Every structure is written in structure tokens, then in C-alpha cells.
Amino acid sequence: MSPETRCRVHGESPYGVALVHGGPGAAGELGPLARELSGRRGVLEPLQTATSVAGQVTELAAVLGERGTAPLVLIGFSWGAWLSVLCAADFPHLVAKLILVDSGPFEEPYAEGIADTRLGRLDEREKAEMASLFAILQDPQAPADDLNRAFRRFGDLFGRADAYDPLPEEGAEVIYRADIFRSVWPEAAAMRRAGDLLAAAARIRCPVAALHGDHDPHPAAGVRDPLSRVVPGFRFHLLEHCGHRPWLERRARERFFELLERELPG
């Protein structure tokens, strides 16, 4: 895939900010955020397609180098926060600053209650549907179309569980790739269990800030506490009445953009 098709571009050059999608395997949901930010600056929206953690890191670095004005500010959301950390650790010349939005926790003990929290916010019918979807995603013989449909619905249900007071989601062109999720996520989770993810964060030398919703099932302490230990000058902002996607939260959206603009260069 060429650099042109691996990256959506918003606003005008120079392109000094890049939004790094979550998932893995759900590229595109940051489109509305990219358009919002592009009124004042050029914004890249890389679309990750590689099916390994190392592949995604290399792919992201290539897009930043080819399409961006280095060094860039990376705004990494969810899995994209981890990916941004790994990219900054391996390609420091490309990254001027990291802004981590509702990242997953960086140490395994903090992750143990996430699934239970999410399921506890669903009704019985949704829980049964979630079990069926999980079975499809675990089936090595499932056709690709069935996998992608299940992955999309899986994300819809978790999105409902993750939200506090959500606004309607409009204008996001999401590319759902269950094959990416099934190959990248287990590898990323293993890196967290082994301590490799936090070790990568410890190698970062650029400024790092994090914004995190207080209603996000991913516990804020799992980002704040580990990174505070290993990243000098780390800044953490907790958003009240806010779920996993703060740009879509009715009560937190204004505060989110205020803090984000404060962390971005002028």
C-alpha cells in the first residue's frame, strides 16, 4: 500500500500532528477529531494495516517520515497510544511529543478488571450477543466477512459500555479488519505482561502527556502511575464525566479540546 493510501490528510501543510488510531484493526474513527483539529494545523491520520506490532511501528514511522513535517506530535488513542509510545522509543527523531488519549494500562495488574467492568454495563441480551461474537472472532475457520462484521459489532457494544454521556457519532469512516486485531492484539498484550511496553516508555525522551476519562473501563491509574515512574515530566489530565472517547462525550468534550489545545504547539 502506498503512503497516499495509508494516510488521510487534513488541513494544510506543514503536517506536524498525527492521530494514531485505536483497535488494533479499527482505523478511521479519529476522522472527526482530525477534522476538528485541522482548522488550525495540518493533521495526518495514518491507517495502520500491518499484522504485527513491529510491522505497525515500522509502517507508522514510514508514513510520518514520508508525509509529515518531522518531528511530529503524535496523538495516540487507546491501542494507538501504545503504538505511539513504541514508535517514539524506536524512532525518536520523528516524534516531538506524545499525547496519549485514553490509553490502555501499561502494567498487567491494572487490566484485570476491564472486561468485567465492560460486561457489567451491558444488559443480559447484549452479554449473550457478546459471547456469540467472541466465539466468531475465536474461530480460525470463520470467513473474513463474518469476522469483520463480528468485529464491528463487538466494537459497537464495547463502545456503548465505554461511554458516559455520548454524542451521536458522525463522519467516521472506519475500516474494520478483524485479521489485524487477531494478530496484533495478542502480541501487544504479551508485551504488556512481559514489561516490554513500559520498558519502551522508559526509553522515550520527548515530552509525554495523557488525557483520560474517569468513566473509561481502562483504569486511569494504569496509565498515570506506571508512566509517572519512568517518564520524566509526565503530565496527566483526568476528565470528569467522560468515557473512552472524550471527543464524543457531551459533558467532557469542551474540556477535552481545551486541554488538547493547551498540549499542542501553537
C-alpha atoms as a PDB file:
ATOM      1  CA  MET A   1       0.000   0.000   0.000  1.00  0.00           C
ATOM      2  CA  SER A   2       1.384   3.414  -0.980  1.00  0.00           C
ATOM      3  CA  PRO A   3       1.916   6.249   1.510  1.00  0.00           C
ATOM      4  CA  GLU A   4      -1.011   8.087  -0.114  1.00  0.00           C
ATOM      5  CA  THR A   5      -3.495   5.302   0.666  1.00  0.00           C
ATOM      6  CA  ARG A   6      -2.001   4.567   4.102  1.00  0.00           C
ATOM      7  CA  CYS A   7      -2.745   8.076   5.351  1.00  0.00           C
ATOM      8  CA  ARG A   8      -5.628  10.542   5.250  1.00  0.00           C
ATOM      9  CA  VAL A   9      -4.561  14.192   5.237  1.00  0.00           C
ATOM     10  CA  HIS A  10      -6.447  17.078   6.852  1.00  0.00           C
ATOM     11  CA  GLY A  11      -5.762  20.811   6.653  1.00  0.00           C
ATOM     12  CA  GLU A  12      -2.778  22.492   5.122  1.00  0.00           C
ATOM     13  CA  SER A  13       0.964  21.844   5.201  1.00  0.00           C
ATOM     14  CA  PRO A  14       3.077  21.684   7.306  1.00  0.00           C
ATOM     15  CA  TYR A  15       1.762  18.429   8.770  1.00  0.00           C
ATOM     16  CA  GLY A  16       3.114  18.439  12.285  1.00  0.00           C
ATOM     17  CA  VAL A  17       0.399  16.427  14.073  1.00  0.00           C
ATOM     18  CA  ALA A  18      -0.611  12.796  13.526  1.00  0.00           C
ATOM     19  CA  LEU A  19      -3.572  10.974  15.051  1.00  0.00           C
ATOM     20  CA  VAL A  20      -2.867   7.298  15.726  1.00  0.00           C
ATOM     21  CA  HIS A  21      -5.907   5.029  15.719  1.00  0.00           C
ATOM     22  CA  GLY A  22      -7.025   2.510  18.262  1.00  0.00           C
ATOM     23  CA  GLY A  23      -8.188  -1.034  17.714  1.00  0.00           C
ATOM     24  CA  PRO A  24      -5.922  -2.531  16.565  1.00  0.00           C
ATOM     25  CA  GLY A  25      -7.826  -3.097  13.345  1.00  0.00           C
ATOM     26  CA  ALA A  26     -10.306  -0.200  13.537  1.00  0.00           C
ATOM     27  CA  ALA A  27      -8.610   2.581  11.587  1.00  0.00           C
ATOM     28  CA  GLY A  28     -10.652   5.681  10.866  1.00  0.00           C
ATOM     29  CA  GLU A  29     -12.642   6.512  13.981  1.00  0.00           C
ATOM     30  CA  LEU A  30     -10.422   9.536  14.681  1.00  0.00           C
ATOM     31  CA  GLY A  31     -11.511  11.215  11.440  1.00  0.00           C
ATOM     32  CA  PRO A  32     -13.910  13.661  13.142  1.00  0.00           C
ATOM     33  CA  LEU A  33     -11.214  14.592  15.656  1.00  0.00           C
ATOM     34  CA  ALA A  34      -8.704  15.102  12.838  1.00  0.00           C
ATOM     35  CA  ARG A  35     -11.083  17.437  11.020  1.00  0.00           C
ATOM     36  CA  GLU A  36     -11.730  19.392  14.220  1.00  0.00           C
ATOM     37  CA  LEU A  37      -8.013  19.924  14.834  1.00  0.00           C
ATOM     38  CA  SER A  38      -7.136  20.674  11.203  1.00  0.00           C
ATOM     39  CA  GLY A  39      -8.715  24.118  11.298  1.00  0.00           C
ATOM     40  CA  ARG A  40      -5.517  25.433  12.890  1.00  0.00           C
ATOM     41  CA  ARG A  41      -2.847  22.985  11.707  1.00  0.00           C
ATOM     42  CA  GLY A  42      -2.040  20.232   9.228  1.00  0.00           C
ATOM     43  CA  VAL A  43      -3.045  16.797  10.557  1.00  0.00           C
ATOM     44  CA  LEU A  44      -2.151  13.317   9.353  1.00  0.00           C
ATOM     45  CA  GLU A  45      -4.418  10.330  10.005  1.00  0.00           C
ATOM     46  CA  PRO A  46      -2.322   7.203   9.362  1.00  0.00           C
ATOM     47  CA  LEU A  47      -4.246   3.995   8.659  1.00  0.00           C
ATOM     48  CA  GLN A  48      -2.408   1.024  10.109  1.00  0.00           C
ATOM     49  CA  THR A  49      -2.590  -2.158   8.010  1.00  0.00           C
ATOM     50  CA  ALA A  50       0.338  -4.305   9.205  1.00  0.00           C
ATOM     51  CA  THR A  51      -0.458  -7.541  11.039  1.00  0.00           C
ATOM     52  CA  SER A  52       2.281  -7.439  13.695  1.00  0.00           C
ATOM     53  CA  VAL A  53       3.300  -4.941  16.357  1.00  0.00           C
ATOM     54  CA  ALA A  54       6.720  -4.404  14.766  1.00  0.00           C
ATOM     55  CA  GLY A  55       5.089  -4.054  11.375  1.00  0.00           C
ATOM     56  CA  GLN A  56       2.700  -1.393  12.645  1.00  0.00           C
ATOM     57  CA  VAL A  57       5.536   0.535  14.283  1.00  0.00           C
ATOM     58  CA  THR A  58       7.582   0.469  11.064  1.00  0.00           C
ATOM     59  CA  GLU A  59       4.539   1.349   8.968  1.00  0.00           C
ATOM     60  CA  LEU A  60       3.671   4.321  11.194  1.00  0.00           C
ATOM     61  CA  ALA A  61       7.247   5.591  11.131  1.00  0.00           C
ATOM     62  CA  ALA A  62       7.311   5.353   7.329  1.00  0.00           C
ATOM     63  CA  VAL A  63       4.131   7.426   6.977  1.00  0.00           C
ATOM     64  CA  LEU A  64       5.387  10.035   9.443  1.00  0.00           C
ATOM     65  CA  GLY A  65       8.670  10.326   7.595  1.00  0.00           C
ATOM     66  CA  GLU A  66       7.133  10.436   4.118  1.00  0.00           C
ATOM     67  CA  ARG A  67       4.060  12.604   4.724  1.00  0.00           C
ATOM     68  CA  GLY A  68       4.788  14.581   7.886  1.00  0.00           C
ATOM     69  CA  THR A  69       6.967  17.508   8.878  1.00  0.00           C
ATOM     70  CA  ALA A  70       9.213  15.832  11.418  1.00  0.00           C
ATOM     71  CA  PRO A  71       9.377  15.811  14.316  1.00  0.00           C
ATOM     72  CA  LEU A  72       5.618  15.466  14.817  1.00  0.00           C
ATOM     73  CA  VAL A  73       3.244  15.482  17.758  1.00  0.00           C
ATOM     74  CA  LEU A  74       1.540  12.080  17.979  1.00  0.00           C
ATOM     75  CA  ILE A  75      -1.935  11.924  19.486  1.00  0.00           C
ATOM     76  CA  GLY A  76      -2.425   8.237  20.172  1.00  0.00           C
ATOM     77  CA  PHE A  77      -5.858   6.894  21.112  1.00  0.00           C
ATOM     78  CA  SER A  78      -6.384   3.600  23.006  1.00  0.00           C
ATOM     79  CA  TRP A  79      -4.153   0.991  21.257  1.00  0.00           C
ATOM     80  CA  GLY A  80      -2.788   3.927  19.258  1.00  0.00           C
ATOM     81  CA  ALA A  81      -1.336   5.331  22.481  1.00  0.00           C
ATOM     82  CA  TRP A  82       0.761   2.185  22.901  1.00  0.00           C
ATOM     83  CA  LEU A  83       1.727   2.255  19.236  1.00  0.00           C
ATOM     84  CA  SER A  84       2.784   5.894  19.560  1.00  0.00           C
ATOM     85  CA  VAL A  85       4.939   5.031  22.579  1.00  0.00           C
ATOM     86  CA  LEU A  86       6.643   2.219  20.676  1.00  0.00           C
ATOM     87  CA  CYS A  87       7.219   4.463  17.655  1.00  0.00           C
ATOM     88  CA  ALA A  88       8.681   7.272  19.785  1.00  0.00           C
ATOM     89  CA  ALA A  89      11.006   4.797  21.506  1.00  0.00           C
ATOM     90  CA  ASP A  90      12.300   3.328  18.232  1.00  0.00           C
ATOM     91  CA  PHE A  91      12.231   6.453  16.016  1.00  0.00           C
ATOM     92  CA  PRO A  92      12.881   9.396  18.360  1.00  0.00           C
ATOM     93  CA  HIS A  93      13.855  11.720  15.508  1.00  0.00           C
ATOM     94  CA  LEU A  94      10.281  11.544  14.174  1.00  0.00           C
ATOM     95  CA  VAL A  95       8.429  12.413  17.377  1.00  0.00           C
ATOM     96  CA  ALA A  96       8.441  15.781  19.162  1.00  0.00           C
ATOM     97  CA  LYS A  97       5.762  14.973  21.731  1.00  0.00           C
ATOM     98  CA  LEU A  98       3.252  12.291  22.706  1.00  0.00           C
ATOM     99  CA  ILE A  99      -0.329  12.958  23.773  1.00  0.00           C
ATOM    100  CA  LEU A 100      -1.970   9.732  24.930  1.00  0.00           C
ATOM    101  CA  VAL A 101      -5.777   9.711  24.875  1.00  0.00           C
ATOM    102  CA  ASP A 102      -7.497   7.036  26.981  1.00  0.00           C
ATOM    103  CA  SER A 103      -4.645   4.607  26.659  1.00  0.00           C
ATOM    104  CA  GLY A 104      -4.807   1.046  27.834  1.00  0.00           C
ATOM    105  CA  PRO A 105      -2.964   0.416  31.123  1.00  0.00           C
ATOM    106  CA  PHE A 106       0.784  -0.131  30.921  1.00  0.00           C
ATOM    107  CA  GLU A 107       1.012  -2.899  33.528  1.00  0.00           C
ATOM    108  CA  GLU A 108      -0.948  -6.143  33.667  1.00  0.00           C
ATOM    109  CA  PRO A 109      -2.497  -5.902  37.163  1.00  0.00           C
ATOM    110  CA  TYR A 110      -4.388  -2.769  36.136  1.00  0.00           C
ATOM    111  CA  ALA A 111      -6.001  -4.612  33.206  1.00  0.00           C
ATOM    112  CA  GLU A 112      -7.564  -7.440  35.176  1.00  0.00           C
ATOM    113  CA  GLY A 113     -10.957  -5.816  35.751  1.00  0.00           C
ATOM    114  CA  ILE A 114     -11.527  -4.179  32.358  1.00  0.00           C
ATOM    115  CA  ALA A 115     -13.613  -6.960  30.803  1.00  0.00           C
ATOM    116  CA  ASP A 116     -15.781  -7.351  33.913  1.00  0.00           C
ATOM    117  CA  THR A 117     -16.401  -3.606  34.054  1.00  0.00           C
ATOM    118  CA  ARG A 118     -17.472  -3.541  30.429  1.00  0.00           C
ATOM    119  CA  LEU A 119     -19.733  -6.583  30.700  1.00  0.00           C
ATOM    120  CA  GLY A 120     -21.271  -5.180  33.875  1.00  0.00           C
ATOM    121  CA  ARG A 121     -22.513  -2.190  31.866  1.00  0.00           C
ATOM    122  CA  LEU A 122     -24.345  -4.364  29.299  1.00  0.00           C
ATOM    123  CA  ASP A 123     -27.766  -5.930  29.683  1.00  0.00           C
ATOM    124  CA  GLU A 124     -28.318  -9.685  29.501  1.00  0.00           C
ATOM    125  CA  ARG A 125     -29.188  -9.693  25.809  1.00  0.00           C
ATOM    126  CA  GLU A 126     -26.048  -7.733  24.971  1.00  0.00           C
ATOM    127  CA  LYS A 127     -23.922 -10.049  27.103  1.00  0.00           C
ATOM    128  CA  ALA A 128     -25.275 -13.067  25.203  1.00  0.00           C
ATOM    129  CA  GLU A 129     -24.586 -11.366  21.900  1.00  0.00           C
ATOM    130  CA  MET A 130     -21.067 -10.523  23.048  1.00  0.00           C
ATOM    131  CA  ALA A 131     -20.417 -14.188  23.813  1.00  0.00           C
ATOM    132  CA  SER A 132     -21.572 -15.166  20.310  1.00  0.00           C
ATOM    133  CA  LEU A 133     -19.403 -12.520  18.696  1.00  0.00           C
ATOM    134  CA  PHE A 134     -16.386 -13.604  20.713  1.00  0.00           C
ATOM    135  CA  ALA A 135     -16.879 -17.177  19.522  1.00  0.00           C
ATOM    136  CA  ILE A 136     -16.829 -16.000  15.901  1.00  0.00           C
ATOM    137  CA  LEU A 137     -13.691 -13.961  16.468  1.00  0.00           C
ATOM    138  CA  GLN A 138     -12.007 -17.004  18.022  1.00  0.00           C
ATOM    139  CA  ASP A 139     -12.993 -19.327  15.148  1.00  0.00           C
ATOM    140  CA  PRO A 140      -9.962 -19.929  12.873  1.00  0.00           C
ATOM    141  CA  GLN A 141     -12.289 -21.121  10.101  1.00  0.00           C
ATOM    142  CA  ALA A 142     -14.639 -18.129  10.089  1.00  0.00           C
ATOM    143  CA  PRO A 143     -14.849 -16.302   6.717  1.00  0.00           C
ATOM    144  CA  ALA A 144     -13.249 -12.853   6.596  1.00  0.00           C
ATOM    145  CA  ASP A 145     -16.568 -11.063   6.003  1.00  0.00           C
ATOM    146  CA  ASP A 146     -18.139 -12.741   9.038  1.00  0.00           C
ATOM    147  CA  LEU A 147     -15.109 -11.877  11.139  1.00  0.00           C
ATOM    148  CA  ASN A 148     -15.200  -8.218  10.121  1.00  0.00           C
ATOM    149  CA  ARG A 149     -18.935  -7.939  10.790  1.00  0.00           C
ATOM    150  CA  ALA A 150     -18.498  -9.552  14.200  1.00  0.00           C
ATOM    151  CA  PHE A 151     -15.543  -7.289  14.967  1.00  0.00           C
ATOM    152  CA  ARG A 152     -17.551  -4.201  14.053  1.00  0.00           C
ATOM    153  CA  ARG A 153     -20.497  -5.223  16.235  1.00  0.00           C
ATOM    154  CA  PHE A 154     -18.093  -6.170  19.033  1.00  0.00           C
ATOM    155  CA  GLY A 155     -16.751  -2.621  18.874  1.00  0.00           C
ATOM    156  CA  ASP A 156     -20.264  -1.155  18.868  1.00  0.00           C
ATOM    157  CA  LEU A 157     -21.190  -2.985  22.061  1.00  0.00           C
ATOM    158  CA  PHE A 158     -17.967  -2.133  23.832  1.00  0.00           C
ATOM    159  CA  GLY A 159     -18.350   1.454  22.653  1.00  0.00           C
ATOM    160  CA  ARG A 160     -21.703   1.580  24.420  1.00  0.00           C
ATOM    161  CA  ALA A 161     -20.179   0.154  27.588  1.00  0.00           C
ATOM    162  CA  ASP A 162     -17.238   2.556  27.417  1.00  0.00           C
ATOM    163  CA  ALA A 163     -19.304   5.756  27.087  1.00  0.00           C
ATOM    164  CA  TYR A 164     -20.645   8.027  29.813  1.00  0.00           C
ATOM    165  CA  ASP A 165     -22.943  10.520  28.054  1.00  0.00           C
ATOM    166  CA  PRO A 166     -22.132  10.132  24.353  1.00  0.00           C
ATOM    167  CA  LEU A 167     -22.957  12.441  21.497  1.00  0.00           C
ATOM    168  CA  PRO A 168     -24.014  10.927  18.152  1.00  0.00           C
ATOM    169  CA  GLU A 169     -21.040   9.609  16.198  1.00  0.00           C
ATOM    170  CA  GLU A 170     -20.928  11.241  12.769  1.00  0.00           C
ATOM    171  CA  GLY A 171     -18.473  11.329   9.908  1.00  0.00           C
ATOM    172  CA  ALA A 172     -16.151   8.498  10.906  1.00  0.00           C
ATOM    173  CA  GLU A 173     -15.105   6.222   8.044  1.00  0.00           C
ATOM    174  CA  VAL A 174     -13.819   3.193   9.915  1.00  0.00           C
ATOM    175  CA  ILE A 175     -12.022   0.287   8.244  1.00  0.00           C
ATOM    176  CA  TYR A 176     -12.677  -2.845  10.299  1.00  0.00           C
ATOM    177  CA  ARG A 177     -10.009  -5.552   9.979  1.00  0.00           C
ATOM    178  CA  ALA A 178     -10.510  -8.478  12.334  1.00  0.00           C
ATOM    179  CA  ASP A 179      -7.380 -10.153  10.990  1.00  0.00           C
ATOM    180  CA  ILE A 180      -5.291  -7.226  12.249  1.00  0.00           C
ATOM    181  CA  PHE A 181      -6.928  -7.393  15.656  1.00  0.00           C
ATOM    182  CA  ARG A 182      -6.469 -11.158  15.972  1.00  0.00           C
ATOM    183  CA  SER A 183      -2.763 -10.978  15.132  1.00  0.00           C
ATOM    184  CA  VAL A 184      -1.658  -7.683  16.716  1.00  0.00           C
ATOM    185  CA  TRP A 185      -3.593  -7.586  19.973  1.00  0.00           C
ATOM    186  CA  PRO A 186      -2.297 -10.876  21.478  1.00  0.00           C
ATOM    187  CA  GLU A 187       1.255  -9.773  20.710  1.00  0.00           C
ATOM    188  CA  ALA A 188       0.696  -6.346  22.267  1.00  0.00           C
ATOM    189  CA  ALA A 189      -0.916  -7.853  25.369  1.00  0.00           C
ATOM    190  CA  ALA A 190       2.058 -10.198  25.756  1.00  0.00           C
ATOM    191  CA  MET A 191       4.390  -7.193  25.618  1.00  0.00           C
ATOM    192  CA  ARG A 192       2.492  -5.617  28.489  1.00  0.00           C
ATOM    193  CA  ARG A 193       2.635  -8.817  30.561  1.00  0.00           C
ATOM    194  CA  ALA A 194       6.376  -9.133  29.967  1.00  0.00           C
ATOM    195  CA  GLY A 195       7.072  -5.495  30.889  1.00  0.00           C
ATOM    196  CA  ASP A 196       8.300  -4.656  27.392  1.00  0.00           C
ATOM    197  CA  LEU A 197       5.678  -1.960  26.866  1.00  0.00           C
ATOM    198  CA  LEU A 198       6.665   0.013  29.951  1.00  0.00           C
ATOM    199  CA  ALA A 199      10.349  -0.537  29.135  1.00  0.00           C
ATOM    200  CA  ALA A 200       9.721   1.141  25.763  1.00  0.00           C
ATOM    201  CA  ALA A 201       8.064   4.076  27.536  1.00  0.00           C
ATOM    202  CA  ALA A 202      11.147   4.426  29.718  1.00  0.00           C
ATOM    203  CA  ARG A 203      13.271   4.983  26.596  1.00  0.00           C
ATOM    204  CA  ILE A 204      11.233   7.981  25.438  1.00  0.00           C
ATOM    205  CA  ARG A 205      12.951  11.343  25.677  1.00  0.00           C
ATOM    206  CA  CYS A 206      10.246  13.621  24.274  1.00  0.00           C
ATOM    207  CA  PRO A 207       7.511  15.241  26.436  1.00  0.00           C
ATOM    208  CA  VAL A 208       4.549  12.979  27.214  1.00  0.00           C
ATOM    209  CA  ALA A 209       1.049  13.953  28.362  1.00  0.00           C
ATOM    210  CA  ALA A 210      -2.071  11.862  28.842  1.00  0.00           C
ATOM    211  CA  LEU A 211      -5.784  12.677  28.877  1.00  0.00           C
ATOM    212  CA  HIS A 212      -8.116  10.062  30.345  1.00  0.00           C
ATOM    213  CA  GLY A 213     -11.831   9.771  31.089  1.00  0.00           C
ATOM    214  CA  ASP A 214     -12.836   8.940  34.656  1.00  0.00           C
ATOM    215  CA  HIS A 215     -15.569   6.568  33.361  1.00  0.00           C
ATOM    216  CA  ASP A 216     -13.249   4.702  30.996  1.00  0.00           C
ATOM    217  CA  PRO A 217     -13.108   0.975  31.903  1.00  0.00           C
ATOM    218  CA  HIS A 218      -9.361   1.221  31.319  1.00  0.00           C
ATOM    219  CA  PRO A 219      -8.311   2.475  34.760  1.00  0.00           C
ATOM    220  CA  ALA A 220      -6.671   5.876  34.836  1.00  0.00           C
ATOM    221  CA  ALA A 221      -4.187   4.659  37.450  1.00  0.00           C
ATOM    222  CA  GLY A 222      -2.870   2.107  34.964  1.00  0.00           C
ATOM    223  CA  VAL A 223      -1.632   4.954  32.788  1.00  0.00           C
ATOM    224  CA  ARG A 224      -0.842   7.607  35.381  1.00  0.00           C
ATOM    225  CA  ASP A 225       1.135   5.565  37.881  1.00  0.00           C
ATOM    226  CA  PRO A 226       3.443   3.486  35.623  1.00  0.00           C
ATOM    227  CA  LEU A 227       4.282   6.382  33.308  1.00  0.00           C
ATOM    228  CA  SER A 228       4.877   8.734  36.232  1.00  0.00           C
ATOM    229  CA  ARG A 229       7.597   6.341  37.394  1.00  0.00           C
ATOM    230  CA  VAL A 230       9.506   6.099  34.115  1.00  0.00           C
ATOM    231  CA  VAL A 231       8.798   9.259  32.075  1.00  0.00           C
ATOM    232  CA  PRO A 232      10.394  12.469  33.412  1.00  0.00           C
ATOM    233  CA  GLY A 233       7.962  15.389  33.445  1.00  0.00           C
ATOM    234  CA  PHE A 234       4.959  13.231  32.554  1.00  0.00           C
ATOM    235  CA  ARG A 235       1.655  15.139  32.759  1.00  0.00           C
ATOM    236  CA  PHE A 236      -1.725  13.512  33.380  1.00  0.00           C
ATOM    237  CA  HIS A 237      -5.183  15.073  32.979  1.00  0.00           C
ATOM    238  CA  LEU A 238      -8.292  13.281  34.281  1.00  0.00           C
ATOM    239  CA  LEU A 239     -11.533  14.223  32.535  1.00  0.00           C
ATOM    240  CA  GLU A 240     -14.683  14.105  34.660  1.00  0.00           C
ATOM    241  CA  HIS A 241     -17.939  12.560  33.395  1.00  0.00           C
ATOM    242  CA  CYS A 242     -16.034  11.089  30.481  1.00  0.00           C
ATOM    243  CA  GLY A 243     -15.791   7.677  28.880  1.00  0.00           C
ATOM    244  CA  HIS A 244     -13.300   6.179  26.449  1.00  0.00           C
ATOM    245  CA  ARG A 245     -13.767   8.629  23.550  1.00  0.00           C
ATOM    246  CA  PRO A 246     -13.707  12.139  25.018  1.00  0.00           C
ATOM    247  CA  TRP A 247     -14.302  13.989  21.738  1.00  0.00           C
ATOM    248  CA  LEU A 248     -17.751  12.312  21.696  1.00  0.00           C
ATOM    249  CA  GLU A 249     -18.625  12.919  25.350  1.00  0.00           C
ATOM    250  CA  ARG A 250     -21.292  15.582  25.900  1.00  0.00           C
ATOM    251  CA  ARG A 251     -20.042  16.669  29.336  1.00  0.00           C
ATOM    252  CA  ALA A 252     -16.307  16.374  28.704  1.00  0.00           C
ATOM    253  CA  ARG A 253     -15.844  17.388  25.067  1.00  0.00           C
ATOM    254  CA  GLU A 254     -15.217  21.083  25.739  1.00  0.00           C
ATOM    255  CA  ARG A 255     -12.699  20.381  28.493  1.00  0.00           C
ATOM    256  CA  PHE A 256     -11.004  17.734  26.352  1.00  0.00           C
ATOM    257  CA  PHE A 257     -10.406  20.148  23.479  1.00  0.00           C
ATOM    258  CA  GLU A 258      -9.277  22.868  25.883  1.00  0.00           C
ATOM    259  CA  LEU A 259      -6.624  20.575  27.348  1.00  0.00           C
ATOM    260  CA  LEU A 260      -5.661  19.171  23.969  1.00  0.00           C
ATOM    261  CA  GLU A 261      -5.078  22.629  22.525  1.00  0.00           C
ATOM    262  CA  ARG A 262      -3.039  23.511  25.594  1.00  0.00           C
ATOM    263  CA  GLU A 263      -0.786  20.493  24.995  1.00  0.00           C
ATOM    264  CA  LEU A 264      -0.414  21.100  21.257  1.00  0.00           C
ATOM    265  CA  PRO A 265       2.058  23.616  19.834  1.00  0.00           C
ATOM    266  CA  GLY A 266       0.531  26.928  18.817  1.00  0.00           C
END
